Amino acid sequence: MFRPGGPTLRELAVQALSSVEHGYDLLAPKFDHTPFRTPDALLQSVAGTLAPLGPFEDGLDLCCGTGAGTGLLTGLCRRSVTGVDFSAGMLDVARRRVTSDGPDLSWVRADVRALPFTAAFDLVVSFGAFGHFLPRELPGLFSRVHTVLRPGGRFAFPVTAPPWPADPAFWTLLGFDAVMRIRNAVWRPPFVMYYRAFRLGGVLAELTRRGFAVELHALPGFGRRGDGSPRARLVVARRTADTTPPRRA
């Protein structure tokens, strides 16, 4: 499951009993040797899908981790690229790992639920981070992304099709979420990481409510499931409204 140099079971256990922030600080030096890092094939497919939608001037990698998505942005944006994460350890690794011969590159430590920018970007991307947010937090997160985008700017993130109940992966993810819920019920601080809480239909509806026009693009290279649906898609949400999104009751 892990490449040479990855974390030991003991290190993973210590991480799982920490807060999300401290857990990723601990994991950061070995994160790129785990299956949690976004695969290069997915990054390349996303880059190829986004390129025709440009040009882009300024890009933001939301929850950038060790910078895999930030590196993608340096090939898409002409002026600046920013990686933002709340883990100092992940940002330290990203600074050493990602370089740019083109756009200016900067790193910001911040909670993405309170992004310190306003209308500063043409493109915001995120990879594999949404499991760290409870469903009730997503409306606020999407509102913040809407705020940091310029009118017409795009918010893009890949999603993969959930496994069917006949697939062992379905039960693996279900079991993982159950274990995390039990862990968070009996242990503090909580470690929020749920694979099955991010439901595409609800996410698309919430993006629309926040003032985005949403498109789905099938990602090449990942094929289709038995029912013909893509195995991987790119959600591209374009900021179209300048009014304040309505509050939810």
Protein backbone atom coordinates (compact mmCIF):
# COMPACT_ATOMS: atom_id res chain seq x y z
CA MET A 1 0.00 0.00 0.00
CA PHE A 2 2.88 2.36 0.78
CA ARG A 3 6.04 2.84 -1.24
CA PRO A 4 9.46 2.54 0.44
CA GLY A 5 9.93 5.50 2.74
CA GLY A 6 6.26 5.69 3.68
CA PRO A 7 4.93 5.90 7.24
CA THR A 8 4.88 2.92 9.56
CA LEU A 9 1.66 1.60 11.10
CA ARG A 10 2.69 3.16 14.40
CA GLU A 11 3.17 6.56 12.76
CA LEU A 12 -0.24 6.29 11.08
CA ALA A 13 -1.84 5.41 14.41
CA VAL A 14 -0.26 8.45 16.08
CA GLN A 15 -1.50 10.62 13.23
CA ALA A 16 -5.02 9.22 13.47
CA LEU A 17 -5.16 10.06 17.18
CA SER A 18 -4.07 13.65 16.56
CA SER A 19 -5.97 16.66 15.28
CA VAL A 20 -6.20 17.02 11.50
CA GLU A 21 -3.62 19.82 11.51
CA HIS A 22 -1.10 18.11 13.78
CA GLY A 23 -1.68 14.77 12.08
CA TYR A 24 -0.66 16.20 8.72
CA ASP A 25 2.30 18.00 10.26
CA LEU A 26 3.49 14.56 11.40
CA LEU A 27 2.73 12.85 8.08
CA ALA A 28 4.16 15.59 5.84
CA PRO A 29 7.74 14.28 5.41
CA LYS A 30 6.42 10.90 4.17
CA PHE A 31 3.12 11.98 2.57
CA ASP A 32 4.36 11.64 -1.01
CA HIS A 33 5.13 7.96 -0.31
CA THR A 34 1.51 7.16 0.53
CA PRO A 35 -1.54 6.45 -1.67
CA PHE A 36 -3.12 9.65 -0.30
CA ARG A 37 -1.08 11.81 -2.67
CA THR A 38 -3.01 12.66 -5.85
CA PRO A 39 -1.75 10.37 -8.66
CA ASP A 40 0.19 11.99 -11.49
CA ALA A 41 -2.19 10.46 -14.05
CA LEU A 42 -5.12 12.31 -12.46
CA LEU A 43 -3.18 15.58 -12.29
CA GLN A 44 -2.23 15.33 -15.96
CA SER A 45 -5.79 14.55 -17.00
CA VAL A 46 -7.10 17.55 -15.05
CA ALA A 47 -4.44 19.83 -16.55
CA GLY A 48 -5.34 18.70 -20.06
CA THR A 49 -9.03 19.39 -19.42
CA LEU A 50 -8.45 22.84 -17.91
CA ALA A 51 -5.93 24.13 -20.45
CA PRO A 52 -8.49 24.88 -23.22
CA LEU A 53 -10.60 26.86 -20.70
CA GLY A 54 -7.77 29.38 -20.13
CA PRO A 55 -5.71 31.44 -20.31
CA PHE A 56 -5.45 31.93 -16.56
CA GLU A 57 -3.44 34.65 -14.85
CA ASP A 58 -3.55 33.80 -11.13
CA GLY A 59 -4.21 30.39 -9.56
CA LEU A 60 -4.89 29.07 -6.06
CA ASP A 61 -4.40 25.50 -4.84
CA LEU A 62 -6.87 24.97 -2.00
CA CYS A 63 -5.58 22.64 0.74
CA CYS A 64 -2.38 22.27 -1.27
CA GLY A 65 -0.65 19.71 0.94
CA THR A 66 2.80 18.95 -0.42
CA GLY A 67 2.05 20.85 -3.63
CA ALA A 68 1.04 18.29 -6.25
CA GLY A 69 -1.81 20.51 -7.49
CA THR A 70 0.29 23.64 -7.09
CA GLY A 71 2.79 22.27 -9.55
CA LEU A 72 -0.06 21.66 -11.99
CA LEU A 73 -1.08 25.33 -11.71
CA THR A 74 2.41 26.56 -12.60
CA GLY A 75 1.81 25.12 -16.07
CA LEU A 76 -1.62 26.75 -16.43
CA CYS A 77 -1.23 30.22 -14.91
CA ARG A 78 0.85 33.04 -16.37
CA ARG A 79 1.33 35.49 -13.48
CA SER A 80 1.09 33.89 -10.03
CA VAL A 81 0.32 30.64 -8.23
CA THR A 82 -0.50 30.35 -4.52
CA GLY A 83 -0.71 27.24 -2.38
CA VAL A 84 -2.73 27.47 0.83
CA ASP A 85 -2.90 24.91 3.64
CA PHE A 86 -3.27 24.98 7.43
CA SER A 87 -0.50 22.44 8.04
CA ALA A 88 2.89 24.07 8.47
CA GLY A 89 4.56 20.71 7.92
CA MET A 90 2.88 20.17 4.56
CA LEU A 91 3.77 23.70 3.44
CA ASP A 92 7.42 23.17 4.41
CA VAL A 93 7.57 20.11 2.16
CA ALA A 94 5.75 21.94 -0.65
CA ARG A 95 8.22 24.85 -0.55
CA ARG A 96 11.11 22.46 -1.07
CA ARG A 97 9.34 20.30 -3.64
CA VAL A 98 7.67 22.76 -6.03
CA THR A 99 9.53 25.32 -8.10
CA SER A 100 8.48 27.60 -10.92
CA ASP A 101 10.33 29.14 -13.86
CA GLY A 102 7.18 30.98 -14.92
CA PRO A 103 4.54 32.42 -12.59
CA ASP A 104 5.46 33.78 -9.16
CA LEU A 105 4.99 31.10 -6.53
CA SER A 106 3.89 31.76 -2.93
CA TRP A 107 2.68 29.77 0.07
CA VAL A 108 0.13 30.82 2.66
CA ARG A 109 -0.73 29.10 5.92
CA ALA A 110 -4.45 29.63 6.53
CA ASP A 111 -7.73 27.88 7.27
CA VAL A 112 -9.45 27.70 3.88
CA ARG A 113 -12.79 28.35 5.59
CA ALA A 114 -11.49 31.89 6.18
CA LEU A 115 -9.36 32.58 3.10
CA PRO A 116 -7.45 35.89 3.35
CA PHE A 117 -8.09 36.97 -0.26
CA THR A 118 -10.75 38.86 -2.20
CA ALA A 119 -11.33 38.54 -5.98
CA ALA A 120 -7.67 37.64 -6.49
CA PHE A 121 -7.76 34.52 -8.70
CA ASP A 122 -8.94 33.28 -12.09
CA LEU A 123 -8.59 29.60 -11.18
CA VAL A 124 -8.95 27.71 -7.89
CA VAL A 125 -8.30 23.96 -7.73
CA SER A 126 -8.48 21.39 -4.97
CA PHE A 127 -7.45 17.74 -4.86
CA GLY A 128 -8.62 15.19 -2.31
CA ALA A 129 -9.40 17.64 0.48
CA PHE A 130 -13.19 17.62 0.82
CA GLY A 131 -13.31 14.60 3.11
CA HIS A 132 -11.86 16.87 5.79
CA PHE A 133 -14.99 19.02 5.83
CA LEU A 134 -18.31 18.10 7.35
CA PRO A 135 -21.27 18.52 4.97
CA ARG A 136 -22.53 21.51 6.95
CA GLU A 137 -19.19 23.28 6.34
CA LEU A 138 -19.30 23.08 2.55
CA PRO A 139 -21.70 26.00 1.95
CA GLY A 140 -19.35 28.36 3.81
CA LEU A 141 -16.31 26.95 2.01
CA PHE A 142 -17.93 27.41 -1.40
CA SER A 143 -18.93 30.97 -0.47
CA ARG A 144 -15.29 31.74 0.38
CA VAL A 145 -14.12 30.31 -2.93
CA HIS A 146 -16.74 32.45 -4.70
CA THR A 147 -15.32 35.50 -2.92
CA VAL A 148 -11.67 34.87 -3.85
CA LEU A 149 -12.48 34.32 -7.54
CA ARG A 150 -12.77 37.17 -10.00
CA PRO A 151 -16.02 37.27 -12.00
CA GLY A 152 -15.76 34.54 -14.62
CA GLY A 153 -13.10 32.69 -12.63
CA ARG A 154 -13.31 28.93 -12.24
CA PHE A 155 -13.25 26.53 -9.30
CA ALA A 156 -12.24 23.02 -10.41
CA PHE A 157 -11.83 19.71 -8.64
CA PRO A 158 -11.89 16.05 -9.74
CA VAL A 159 -14.37 13.48 -8.45
CA THR A 160 -14.33 9.74 -8.97
CA ALA A 161 -17.40 7.56 -9.26
CA PRO A 162 -18.27 5.79 -5.98
CA PRO A 163 -17.90 2.02 -5.99
CA TRP A 164 -20.96 -0.22 -6.29
CA PRO A 165 -21.99 -2.34 -3.27
CA ALA A 166 -20.69 -5.42 -5.11
CA ASP A 167 -17.21 -3.88 -5.13
CA PRO A 168 -15.09 -4.63 -2.02
CA ALA A 169 -13.98 -0.98 -2.09
CA PHE A 170 -17.56 0.03 -1.20
CA TRP A 171 -17.37 -1.87 2.08
CA THR A 172 -13.82 -0.71 2.75
CA LEU A 173 -14.86 2.94 2.54
CA LEU A 174 -18.03 2.31 4.51
CA GLY A 175 -16.00 0.60 7.23
CA PHE A 176 -13.40 3.37 7.29
CA ASP A 177 -16.07 6.03 7.79
CA ALA A 178 -17.69 3.98 10.54
CA VAL A 179 -14.37 3.61 12.36
CA MET A 180 -13.72 7.36 12.07
CA ARG A 181 -17.15 8.19 13.49
CA ILE A 182 -16.55 5.88 16.45
CA ARG A 183 -13.08 7.34 16.96
CA ASN A 184 -14.44 10.90 16.94
CA ALA A 185 -17.21 9.96 19.36
CA VAL A 186 -14.76 8.73 22.00
CA TRP A 187 -11.53 10.65 21.35
CA ARG A 188 -10.56 14.32 21.24
CA PRO A 189 -9.46 16.21 19.29
CA PRO A 190 -11.52 14.96 16.33
CA PHE A 191 -9.90 13.87 13.08
CA VAL A 192 -12.36 14.69 10.31
CA MET A 193 -11.86 12.41 7.30
CA TYR A 194 -14.91 10.80 5.73
CA TYR A 195 -14.89 9.28 2.27
CA ARG A 196 -18.66 8.92 1.86
CA ALA A 197 -19.85 12.30 3.14
CA PHE A 198 -19.13 14.18 -0.11
CA ARG A 199 -22.18 13.54 -2.32
CA LEU A 200 -21.87 14.92 -5.84
CA GLY A 201 -25.56 15.74 -6.34
CA GLY A 202 -25.73 17.83 -3.18
CA VAL A 203 -22.39 19.49 -3.94
CA LEU A 204 -23.52 20.58 -7.41
CA ALA A 205 -26.74 22.01 -6.01
CA GLU A 206 -24.83 23.90 -3.31
CA LEU A 207 -22.37 25.36 -5.82
CA THR A 208 -25.30 26.66 -7.87
CA ARG A 209 -26.81 28.25 -4.75
CA ARG A 210 -23.48 29.95 -4.03
CA GLY A 211 -23.50 31.72 -7.42
CA PHE A 212 -21.66 29.29 -9.71
CA ALA A 213 -22.55 27.91 -13.13
CA VAL A 214 -21.42 24.28 -13.00
CA GLU A 215 -20.18 21.95 -15.74
CA LEU A 216 -19.00 18.34 -15.57
CA HIS A 217 -16.19 17.13 -17.82
CA ALA A 218 -15.36 13.44 -18.21
CA LEU A 219 -11.64 13.00 -17.53
CA PRO A 220 -9.85 11.10 -20.30
CA GLY A 221 -7.83 8.06 -19.45
CA PHE A 222 -10.08 6.59 -16.77
CA GLY A 223 -12.76 4.89 -18.88
CA ARG A 224 -16.40 4.33 -18.04
CA ARG A 225 -18.36 2.12 -15.69
CA GLY A 226 -20.75 -0.59 -16.78
CA ASP A 227 -23.66 1.87 -16.89
CA GLY A 228 -21.71 4.15 -19.26
CA SER A 229 -20.97 6.87 -16.71
CA PRO A 230 -17.38 8.21 -16.46
CA ARG A 231 -15.14 6.77 -13.80
CA ALA A 232 -13.66 10.21 -13.19
CA ARG A 233 -15.00 13.70 -13.82
CA LEU A 234 -13.83 17.26 -13.38
CA VAL A 235 -16.27 19.65 -11.74
CA VAL A 236 -15.77 23.15 -13.17
CA ALA A 237 -17.76 25.84 -11.37
CA ARG A 238 -17.61 29.32 -12.93
CA ARG A 239 -18.34 32.41 -10.87
CA THR A 240 -21.22 34.21 -12.55
CA ALA A 241 -22.94 36.16 -9.78
CA ASP A 242 -21.69 39.16 -7.83
CA THR A 243 -24.54 39.14 -5.35
CA THR A 244 -24.24 37.65 -1.90
CA PRO A 245 -25.44 34.03 -1.99
CA PRO A 246 -28.60 33.41 0.03
CA ARG A 247 -28.21 32.14 3.57
CA ARG A 248 -29.49 28.67 4.32
CA ALA A 249 -31.95 28.30 7.15
